[in-house]
Amino acid sequence: MKGFWYVLLETMTRIFGSWLFAVVSKCIATGYFFFSKNRKESHRFYHRLYPHKNCLYHNLCTFQQYQNFTTIHYDRFLANHGMETTFQSVGWEKLDSVLHEKGAILLMSHLGNWEIAARLLKQQKDEMKLLLYMGVKEKEGVENIQKEQLQESGVDIIGAPQGGGSPFDAVAGIRMLQEGGLISMTGDVVWRGDQRSLTVDFLGGKAELPEAPYIFALVSGAPIFCFFSFRTGKNSYQFSLADPIYIHCTNRAERRQKIQNAAQQYANLLEEQLRAHPLEWYHFDRFVE
């Protein structure tokens, strides 16, 4: 949905009720299922995830993936218009134990709803400093609305354009960690062709992950927390944080291996969570070869 139509849908929903948003968004998702070129990538992905299932099963998974994706927009609308988002968390104490000491890096994924997670993190601890790095796509109206609404909820955002970002963006993140804050980075998308990346094992194939989160952890000494958020009902979620990943190197020779090991640890956690929540995978481009 482009920005204008998205705003129009929100306006009409305020008049007629939230059911309208749910129905229209699911109809749009059905259209994308039939006509989007990305459908082939989703079908290919579910074939890799379920190699012993037939083509019909892979199509059903793809259809449900598209339908489930609408809940991100639906729950955002509900949260923006007064409905409280409820959640349970697992592993929050692990993050609490390091905050205000050296900060931490939250590694988000396109598995589940990371946007709601960012909002609720800020709500749970309003004094907490949270900086979110987000990729920027050209001419993406809904994405701009998403960023504006996140900023209104108190989350600081640095956009990472596909043409390349500023070195000062990295400095801001390191400073945030030194002040005991949180920075959130995408763990499963390489935004640019010239971006430094790491190759990991995933679903029996190979996937490319951005190197930046691991460089931040190495330079700052801050731990990485792999953070997942899954929908359990209408505007209701469960968050989970895995054990922290530290990257400490005593010499340059072991730096590459330590970073590679950390990236593979994340990939293993991502695959584990994917198998538990396969229909909440919202990565529509090719991910694994």
Protein backbone atom coordinates (compact mmCIF):
# COMPACT_ATOMS: atom_id res chain seq x y z
CA MET A 1 0.00 0.00 0.00
CA LYS A 2 1.30 3.44 -0.88
CA GLY A 3 1.27 6.20 1.70
CA PHE A 4 -1.85 8.01 0.44
CA TRP A 5 -3.99 4.88 0.35
CA TYR A 6 -2.70 3.77 3.72
CA VAL A 7 -3.67 7.09 5.31
CA LEU A 8 -7.07 6.91 3.59
CA LEU A 9 -7.63 3.41 4.95
CA GLU A 10 -6.74 4.55 8.47
CA THR A 11 -9.15 7.47 8.14
CA MET A 12 -12.01 5.28 6.95
CA THR A 13 -11.29 2.75 9.69
CA ARG A 14 -11.62 5.41 12.35
CA ILE A 15 -15.12 6.06 10.99
CA PHE A 16 -16.35 2.52 10.41
CA GLY A 17 -14.32 0.45 12.87
CA SER A 18 -11.21 -1.71 12.96
CA TRP A 19 -12.92 -4.55 11.05
CA LEU A 20 -12.58 -2.47 7.88
CA PHE A 21 -8.79 -2.30 8.22
CA ALA A 22 -8.57 -6.05 8.76
CA VAL A 23 -10.78 -6.91 5.78
CA VAL A 24 -9.20 -4.47 3.32
CA SER A 25 -5.63 -5.36 4.27
CA LYS A 26 -6.33 -9.09 3.88
CA CYS A 27 -7.87 -8.45 0.45
CA ILE A 28 -4.75 -6.50 -0.56
CA ALA A 29 -2.56 -9.33 0.73
CA THR A 30 -4.55 -11.80 -1.36
CA GLY A 31 -3.91 -9.65 -4.43
CA TYR A 32 -0.19 -9.63 -3.67
CA PHE A 33 -0.27 -13.41 -3.31
CA PHE A 34 -1.67 -13.81 -6.81
CA PHE A 35 0.21 -11.05 -8.63
CA SER A 36 3.43 -10.21 -6.77
CA LYS A 37 6.69 -11.41 -8.29
CA ASN A 38 7.96 -12.05 -4.74
CA ARG A 39 5.52 -14.93 -4.39
CA LYS A 40 8.00 -17.20 -6.18
CA GLU A 41 10.65 -16.44 -3.57
CA SER A 42 8.30 -17.29 -0.72
CA HIS A 43 7.30 -20.52 -2.44
CA ARG A 44 10.97 -21.35 -2.95
CA PHE A 45 11.70 -20.60 0.70
CA TYR A 46 8.95 -22.87 2.03
CA HIS A 47 10.08 -25.60 -0.33
CA ARG A 48 13.48 -25.42 1.34
CA LEU A 49 11.93 -25.33 4.81
CA TYR A 50 9.60 -28.26 4.04
CA PRO A 51 11.37 -30.26 1.31
CA HIS A 52 9.17 -33.34 1.81
CA LYS A 53 5.88 -31.47 1.40
CA ASN A 54 4.12 -30.97 -1.92
CA CYS A 55 3.66 -27.83 -4.00
CA LEU A 56 0.15 -27.20 -2.67
CA TYR A 57 1.47 -27.12 0.90
CA HIS A 58 4.16 -24.61 -0.06
CA ASN A 59 1.50 -22.42 -1.72
CA LEU A 60 -0.69 -22.58 1.38
CA CYS A 61 2.26 -21.53 3.54
CA THR A 62 2.95 -18.62 1.20
CA PHE A 63 -0.70 -17.53 1.25
CA GLN A 64 -0.78 -17.61 5.05
CA GLN A 65 2.52 -15.73 5.21
CA TYR A 66 0.99 -12.90 3.15
CA GLN A 67 -2.16 -12.89 5.29
CA ASN A 68 -0.21 -12.86 8.55
CA PHE A 69 1.88 -9.94 7.35
CA THR A 70 -1.24 -7.75 7.50
CA THR A 71 -1.30 -8.11 11.30
CA ILE A 72 1.78 -5.88 11.52
CA HIS A 73 -0.20 -2.98 10.02
CA TYR A 74 -3.40 -3.91 11.86
CA ASP A 75 -1.76 -4.02 15.30
CA ARG A 76 0.08 -0.79 14.57
CA PHE A 77 -3.26 0.86 13.83
CA LEU A 78 -4.78 -0.49 17.06
CA ALA A 79 -1.79 0.66 19.11
CA ASN A 80 -1.91 4.13 17.55
CA HIS A 81 -5.59 4.50 18.35
CA GLY A 82 -5.79 3.64 22.00
CA MET A 83 -5.79 -0.15 22.21
CA GLU A 84 -3.25 -1.39 24.71
CA THR A 85 -0.73 -3.91 23.39
CA THR A 86 -0.27 -6.78 25.83
CA PHE A 87 2.81 -8.96 25.98
CA GLN A 88 4.77 -11.54 27.90
CA SER A 89 8.55 -11.60 27.90
CA VAL A 90 11.11 -14.36 28.30
CA GLY A 91 14.69 -13.48 29.14
CA TRP A 92 14.14 -9.79 29.92
CA GLU A 93 16.26 -10.13 33.07
CA LYS A 94 19.27 -10.89 30.86
CA LEU A 95 18.98 -7.47 29.26
CA ASP A 96 18.29 -5.73 32.57
CA SER A 97 21.55 -7.06 33.97
CA VAL A 98 23.69 -5.18 31.44
CA LEU A 99 21.72 -1.98 30.83
CA HIS A 100 23.26 1.27 32.08
CA GLU A 101 26.67 -0.40 32.25
CA LYS A 102 27.84 -0.68 28.65
CA GLY A 103 24.56 -0.81 26.75
CA ALA A 104 23.50 -3.61 24.43
CA ILE A 105 22.78 -4.39 20.77
CA LEU A 106 19.39 -5.84 19.92
CA LEU A 107 19.54 -7.95 16.80
CA MET A 108 16.10 -7.85 15.19
CA SER A 109 14.87 -10.10 12.40
CA HIS A 110 12.14 -10.16 9.77
CA LEU A 111 10.60 -12.99 11.75
CA GLY A 112 7.71 -11.76 13.86
CA ASN A 113 6.92 -8.11 14.54
CA TRP A 114 10.04 -6.18 15.50
CA GLU A 115 8.25 -2.82 15.21
CA ILE A 116 5.83 -3.57 18.04
CA ALA A 117 8.77 -4.88 20.05
CA ALA A 118 10.61 -1.56 19.67
CA ARG A 119 7.53 0.37 20.78
CA LEU A 120 6.96 -1.76 23.85
CA LEU A 121 10.59 -1.72 24.87
CA LYS A 122 10.35 2.05 25.05
CA GLN A 123 7.02 1.94 26.88
CA GLN A 124 8.27 -0.53 29.46
CA LYS A 125 11.23 1.66 30.37
CA ASP A 126 10.54 5.18 29.24
CA GLU A 127 13.91 6.41 30.52
CA MET A 128 15.74 3.86 28.40
CA LYS A 129 17.65 5.24 25.42
CA LEU A 130 16.82 3.33 22.24
CA LEU A 131 18.33 3.98 18.83
CA LEU A 132 16.94 2.04 15.89
CA TYR A 133 18.83 1.59 12.62
CA MET A 134 16.42 1.06 9.74
CA GLY A 135 16.95 0.51 6.04
CA VAL A 136 15.46 3.14 3.76
CA LYS A 137 13.74 2.25 0.50
CA GLU A 138 13.02 4.85 -2.13
CA LYS A 139 9.38 5.84 -2.74
CA GLU A 140 8.02 3.74 0.11
CA GLY A 141 5.15 5.72 1.61
CA VAL A 142 4.03 3.20 4.25
CA GLU A 143 7.59 2.84 5.49
CA ASN A 144 7.81 6.62 6.02
CA ILE A 145 4.61 6.56 8.04
CA GLN A 146 6.00 3.66 10.07
CA LYS A 147 9.16 5.63 10.89
CA GLU A 148 7.19 8.74 11.87
CA GLN A 149 4.97 6.77 14.23
CA LEU A 150 7.94 5.05 15.83
CA GLN A 151 9.62 8.39 16.41
CA GLU A 152 6.44 9.73 17.98
CA SER A 153 6.59 6.82 20.46
CA GLY A 154 10.03 8.02 21.60
CA VAL A 155 12.32 5.79 19.51
CA ASP A 156 15.30 7.51 17.87
CA ILE A 157 15.83 6.35 14.27
CA ILE A 158 18.77 6.51 11.89
CA GLY A 159 17.89 5.64 8.31
CA ALA A 160 20.36 3.53 6.34
CA PRO A 161 19.82 4.46 2.66
CA GLN A 162 20.59 1.94 -0.05
CA GLY A 163 23.07 4.42 -1.53
CA GLY A 164 25.22 4.41 1.61
CA GLY A 165 25.09 6.08 5.01
CA SER A 166 27.26 8.57 6.87
CA PRO A 167 30.19 7.54 9.13
CA PHE A 168 28.59 9.74 11.78
CA ASP A 169 25.70 7.26 11.93
CA ALA A 170 28.08 4.66 13.34
CA VAL A 171 29.55 7.17 15.80
CA ALA A 172 26.05 7.90 17.14
CA GLY A 173 25.49 4.20 17.78
CA ILE A 174 28.81 3.71 19.60
CA ARG A 175 28.10 6.77 21.73
CA MET A 176 24.66 5.40 22.61
CA LEU A 177 26.22 2.12 23.77
CA GLN A 178 28.84 3.94 25.83
CA GLU A 179 26.03 5.82 27.57
CA GLY A 180 24.34 2.55 28.54
CA GLY A 181 21.61 2.67 25.92
CA LEU A 182 20.29 0.20 23.39
CA ILE A 183 20.78 0.16 19.66
CA SER A 184 18.63 -2.05 17.47
CA MET A 185 19.93 -3.37 14.16
CA THR A 186 18.60 -5.67 11.47
CA GLY A 187 20.33 -9.02 11.54
CA ASP A 188 19.00 -10.65 8.38
CA VAL A 189 19.05 -8.04 5.59
CA VAL A 190 22.01 -6.80 3.57
CA TRP A 191 20.75 -3.48 2.23
CA ARG A 192 23.45 -2.64 -0.34
CA GLY A 193 25.62 -4.56 -2.76
CA ASP A 194 28.77 -2.93 -1.34
CA GLN A 195 27.80 -3.60 2.28
CA ARG A 196 30.17 -5.86 4.21
CA SER A 197 28.52 -9.19 4.89
CA LEU A 198 29.11 -12.67 6.30
CA THR A 199 28.12 -16.00 4.81
CA VAL A 200 26.45 -18.44 7.22
CA ASP A 201 24.85 -21.85 7.05
CA PHE A 202 21.05 -21.69 7.03
CA LEU A 203 18.39 -24.27 6.18
CA GLY A 204 20.97 -26.46 4.48
CA GLY A 205 22.12 -23.61 2.26
CA LYS A 206 24.00 -20.32 2.55
CA ALA A 207 22.70 -16.92 3.62
CA GLU A 208 24.28 -13.46 3.70
CA LEU A 209 24.11 -11.45 6.93
CA PRO A 210 25.26 -7.88 7.56
CA GLU A 211 28.57 -7.63 9.40
CA ALA A 212 27.83 -4.26 11.06
CA PRO A 213 26.18 -5.54 14.30
CA TYR A 214 29.19 -7.70 15.08
CA ILE A 215 31.65 -4.87 14.38
CA PHE A 216 29.66 -2.66 16.76
CA ALA A 217 29.86 -5.37 19.43
CA LEU A 218 33.60 -5.82 18.89
CA VAL A 219 34.40 -2.10 19.04
CA SER A 220 32.11 -1.23 21.97
CA GLY A 221 32.39 -4.41 24.04
CA ALA A 222 28.59 -4.45 24.30
CA PRO A 223 26.73 -7.77 24.11
CA ILE A 224 24.40 -8.76 21.30
CA PHE A 225 20.92 -9.99 22.21
CA CYS A 226 18.96 -11.85 19.54
CA PHE A 227 15.44 -10.52 20.05
CA PHE A 228 12.26 -12.13 18.70
CA SER A 229 8.62 -11.07 19.03
CA PHE A 230 5.71 -13.29 18.00
CA ARG A 231 2.00 -12.62 17.87
CA THR A 232 -0.13 -14.64 20.29
CA GLY A 233 -3.46 -12.91 19.59
CA LYS A 234 -5.06 -9.61 18.66
CA ASN A 235 -2.46 -6.97 19.57
CA SER A 236 -0.86 -9.49 21.93
CA TYR A 237 2.76 -10.68 21.77
CA GLN A 238 5.45 -12.76 23.37
CA PHE A 239 9.03 -11.51 23.37
CA SER A 240 12.10 -13.64 23.87
CA LEU A 241 15.75 -12.73 24.31
CA ALA A 242 18.46 -15.34 23.88
CA ASP A 243 21.62 -15.42 25.96
CA PRO A 244 23.98 -12.52 25.19
CA ILE A 245 26.67 -12.93 22.56
CA TYR A 246 30.01 -11.27 23.35
CA ILE A 247 32.82 -10.73 20.87
CA HIS A 248 36.19 -10.37 22.57
CA CYS A 249 39.44 -10.68 20.63
CA THR A 250 42.95 -10.66 22.03
CA ASN A 251 44.59 -10.25 18.62
CA ARG A 252 43.73 -9.38 15.03
CA ALA A 253 44.20 -12.95 13.85
CA GLU A 254 41.18 -14.28 15.75
CA ARG A 255 38.90 -11.32 14.99
CA ARG A 256 37.43 -12.74 11.78
CA GLN A 257 36.71 -16.14 13.33
CA LYS A 258 35.05 -14.63 16.42
CA ILE A 259 32.78 -12.48 14.25
CA GLN A 260 31.96 -15.43 11.99
CA ASN A 261 31.11 -17.61 15.00
CA ALA A 262 28.80 -14.91 16.41
CA ALA A 263 27.00 -14.56 13.08
CA GLN A 264 26.52 -18.31 12.83
CA GLN A 265 25.17 -18.38 16.38
CA TYR A 266 22.56 -15.82 15.36
CA ALA A 267 21.73 -17.80 12.21
CA ASN A 268 21.22 -20.95 14.30
CA LEU A 269 18.86 -19.11 16.65
CA LEU A 270 17.00 -17.61 13.68
CA GLU A 271 16.53 -21.04 12.11
CA GLU A 272 15.34 -22.48 15.43
CA GLN A 273 12.74 -19.73 15.87
CA LEU A 274 11.73 -19.98 12.20
CA ARG A 275 10.90 -23.66 12.56
CA ALA A 276 8.74 -22.82 15.58
CA HIS A 277 7.00 -19.85 13.84
CA PRO A 278 7.28 -20.53 10.09
CA LEU A 279 4.30 -18.42 9.01
CA GLU A 280 5.64 -15.25 10.65
CA TRP A 281 8.58 -15.03 8.25
CA TYR A 282 8.26 -11.59 6.61
CA HIS A 283 11.37 -11.62 4.45
CA PHE A 284 10.00 -11.54 0.90
CA ASP A 285 13.26 -11.32 -1.04
CA ARG A 286 15.70 -14.17 -1.61
CA PHE A 287 17.49 -15.01 1.61
CA VAL A 288 19.04 -18.43 1.30
CA GLU A 289 20.85 -20.01 -1.63
